[in-house]
Amino acid sequence: MTSDSQLIARVLLTSNEFKGVMHGVESLVDVGGGDGTMASSIALAYPDVKCTVFDLPNVVEGIQRNEKWILHNWNDENCIKVLKQCKEAIQSRDKGGKLLIIDMVVGIPSDNLNQALANVHMLSILGGKERTEQQWKYLFINAGFNDYKILSILGPRSVIEVYLA
């Protein structure tokens, strides 16, 4: 996952669209952030943004340096629980609050074969799944969010901005 995070960080941090996503962001929490590779890359590129990494204690234990792609590991019920906790931690959209998710959106872009294979893998190994835009929308609404925007700038994965009213 560290290598994957390094690659994704390089792509994101050179993207003009991601610069727009980060506009006005003052703090960032990387839920499921693993060893902090993604958060530390963002912190270096955006030194005014306060970055925090949350993960399981056994994952972060012993990390000496300053992730994404975590919701597909979980079923809808558990994703909604995680998203509700995130919702409690952010401000409304008019105050600059947003939740950023880096994950696959099935059908965006239309690489259906690889997305279908990834979905089968997630279902069989972890009980999670790759989701369509409608399935993501279901999670966001049921967690109490009001709006979202999908940026297809990472090949098979997207950056999803999620907002409160």
Protein backbone atom coordinates (compact mmCIF):
# COMPACT_ATOMS: atom_id res chain seq x y z
CA MET A 1 0.00 0.00 0.00
CA THR A 2 2.91 2.37 0.61
CA SER A 3 4.05 2.10 -3.00
CA ASP A 4 0.49 2.58 -4.19
CA SER A 5 0.12 5.65 -1.96
CA GLN A 6 3.35 7.11 -3.32
CA LEU A 7 2.14 6.67 -6.89
CA ILE A 8 -1.31 8.12 -6.17
CA ALA A 9 0.23 11.06 -4.28
CA ARG A 10 2.49 11.89 -7.25
CA VAL A 11 -0.48 11.85 -9.62
CA LEU A 12 -2.72 13.89 -7.32
CA LEU A 13 -0.17 16.50 -6.38
CA THR A 14 0.61 17.29 -10.01
CA SER A 15 -3.07 17.58 -10.96
CA ASN A 16 -4.65 21.00 -11.38
CA GLU A 17 -8.01 19.48 -10.47
CA PHE A 18 -6.64 18.33 -7.11
CA LYS A 19 -5.24 21.81 -6.48
CA GLY A 20 -8.84 23.02 -6.82
CA VAL A 21 -10.00 20.32 -4.40
CA MET A 22 -7.44 21.48 -1.82
CA HIS A 23 -8.33 25.16 -2.18
CA GLY A 24 -9.42 26.46 1.22
CA VAL A 25 -8.70 23.19 3.06
CA GLU A 26 -7.21 23.91 6.50
CA SER A 27 -7.12 20.41 7.95
CA LEU A 28 -7.17 16.89 6.56
CA VAL A 29 -7.78 13.55 8.30
CA ASP A 30 -6.64 10.43 6.46
CA VAL A 31 -8.90 7.65 7.76
CA GLY A 32 -7.30 4.26 7.13
CA GLY A 33 -4.10 6.18 6.48
CA GLY A 34 -1.72 3.28 7.03
CA ASP A 35 1.86 4.48 7.41
CA GLY A 36 0.94 8.08 6.59
CA THR A 37 2.46 8.16 3.10
CA MET A 38 -0.49 10.02 1.55
CA ALA A 39 -0.94 12.48 4.42
CA SER A 40 2.77 13.29 4.57
CA SER A 41 2.87 13.89 0.81
CA ILE A 42 -0.06 16.28 1.08
CA ALA A 43 1.52 17.99 4.11
CA LEU A 44 4.73 18.60 2.16
CA ALA A 45 2.85 20.04 -0.81
CA TYR A 46 0.43 22.06 1.35
CA PRO A 47 2.38 23.08 4.49
CA ASP A 48 -0.51 25.20 5.82
CA VAL A 49 -2.83 22.16 5.96
CA LYS A 50 -2.88 20.29 9.27
CA CYS A 51 -2.78 16.56 8.41
CA THR A 52 -3.76 13.74 10.77
CA VAL A 53 -3.65 9.98 10.16
CA PHE A 54 -6.11 7.55 11.78
CA ASP A 55 -5.72 3.81 11.52
CA LEU A 56 -5.73 0.75 13.74
CA PRO A 57 -3.13 0.79 16.55
CA ASN A 58 -1.27 -2.24 15.17
CA VAL A 59 -0.96 -0.46 11.79
CA VAL A 60 0.47 2.81 13.10
CA GLU A 61 2.59 1.29 15.87
CA GLY A 62 6.25 2.12 15.38
CA ILE A 63 5.76 4.49 12.44
CA GLN A 64 8.49 7.09 12.43
CA ARG A 65 7.42 9.30 9.50
CA ASN A 66 4.99 11.72 8.73
CA GLU A 67 -4.12 6.03 2.69
CA LYS A 68 -6.79 5.95 1.03
CA TRP A 69 -8.86 3.29 -0.64
CA ILE A 70 -10.40 1.90 2.52
CA LEU A 71 -14.20 1.99 2.13
CA HIS A 72 -14.28 -0.69 -0.53
CA ASN A 73 -13.14 -3.13 2.18
CA TRP A 74 -16.45 -2.79 4.04
CA ASN A 75 -20.12 -3.59 3.51
CA ASP A 76 -22.64 -0.75 3.27
CA GLU A 77 -23.59 -0.82 6.96
CA ASN A 78 -20.00 -0.44 8.14
CA CYS A 79 -19.23 2.22 5.51
CA ILE A 80 -22.18 4.27 6.72
CA LYS A 81 -20.85 4.03 10.30
CA VAL A 82 -17.42 5.25 9.19
CA LEU A 83 -18.94 8.04 7.10
CA LYS A 84 -21.15 9.18 10.00
CA GLN A 85 -18.05 9.51 12.18
CA CYS A 86 -16.35 11.52 9.43
CA LYS A 87 -19.43 13.73 9.16
CA GLU A 88 -19.17 14.58 12.85
CA ALA A 89 -15.59 15.75 12.36
CA ILE A 90 -16.04 18.19 9.47
CA GLN A 91 -17.64 21.57 9.01
CA SER A 92 -20.39 22.45 6.57
CA ARG A 93 -19.57 23.20 2.94
CA ASP A 94 -20.06 26.95 3.37
CA LYS A 95 -17.35 26.90 6.06
CA GLY A 96 -14.96 24.97 3.79
CA GLY A 97 -15.65 21.46 5.11
CA LYS A 98 -15.49 18.44 2.83
CA LEU A 99 -14.70 14.76 2.99
CA LEU A 100 -12.25 13.44 0.37
CA ILE A 101 -12.42 9.79 -0.63
CA ILE A 102 -10.00 8.10 -3.00
CA ASP A 103 -11.64 4.93 -4.25
CA MET A 104 -13.03 3.21 -7.32
CA VAL A 105 -16.32 4.33 -8.84
CA VAL A 106 -17.49 1.53 -11.11
CA GLY A 107 -18.22 2.91 -14.56
CA ILE A 108 -15.97 5.98 -14.10
CA PRO A 109 -13.90 5.68 -16.24
CA SER A 110 -15.45 2.86 -18.16
CA ASP A 111 -12.80 0.18 -17.54
CA ASN A 112 -15.50 -2.38 -16.80
CA LEU A 113 -13.35 -5.53 -16.98
CA ASN A 114 -10.77 -4.42 -14.40
CA GLN A 115 -13.49 -2.94 -12.20
CA ALA A 116 -15.51 -6.16 -12.37
CA LEU A 117 -12.44 -8.20 -11.44
CA ALA A 118 -11.69 -5.85 -8.53
CA ASN A 119 -15.29 -6.18 -7.37
CA VAL A 120 -15.14 -9.99 -7.40
CA HIS A 121 -11.88 -9.83 -5.45
CA MET A 122 -13.35 -7.51 -2.80
CA LEU A 123 -16.49 -9.61 -2.40
CA SER A 124 -14.65 -12.91 -2.10
CA ILE A 125 -11.76 -11.80 0.12
CA LEU A 126 -13.12 -9.11 2.45
CA GLY A 127 -16.87 -8.97 1.99
CA GLY A 128 -16.55 -5.44 0.61
CA LYS A 129 -17.28 -4.21 -2.88
CA GLU A 130 -16.44 -1.72 -5.57
CA ARG A 131 -19.35 0.71 -5.92
CA THR A 132 -21.15 2.53 -8.72
CA GLU A 133 -21.93 6.23 -8.41
CA GLN A 134 -25.48 5.36 -7.27
CA GLN A 135 -24.14 3.02 -4.57
CA TRP A 136 -21.77 5.74 -3.31
CA LYS A 137 -24.67 8.21 -3.31
CA TYR A 138 -26.71 5.77 -1.18
CA LEU A 139 -23.90 5.65 1.39
CA PHE A 140 -23.48 9.43 1.48
CA ILE A 141 -27.20 10.13 1.91
CA ASN A 142 -27.60 7.49 4.61
CA ALA A 143 -24.60 8.88 6.49
CA GLY A 144 -26.17 12.36 6.45
CA PHE A 145 -24.22 14.07 3.68
CA ASN A 146 -25.98 16.34 1.17
CA ASP A 147 -23.83 16.54 -1.94
CA TYR A 148 -20.81 15.03 -3.67
CA LYS A 149 -18.60 15.51 -6.70
CA ILE A 150 -16.56 12.82 -8.47
CA LEU A 151 -13.24 13.70 -10.13
CA SER A 152 -11.95 10.97 -12.41
CA ILE A 153 -8.25 11.88 -12.28
CA LEU A 154 -6.61 8.65 -11.08
CA GLY A 155 -7.29 6.06 -13.76
CA PRO A 156 -9.44 3.33 -12.21
CA ARG A 157 -9.84 5.34 -8.99
CA SER A 158 -11.50 8.66 -8.44
CA VAL A 159 -11.32 11.50 -5.95
CA ILE A 160 -14.77 11.96 -4.43
CA GLU A 161 -15.58 15.22 -2.63
CA VAL A 162 -18.46 14.81 -0.16
CA TYR A 163 -20.21 17.76 1.51
CA LEU A 164 -22.60 18.75 4.28
CA ALA A 165 -25.12 21.52 3.63
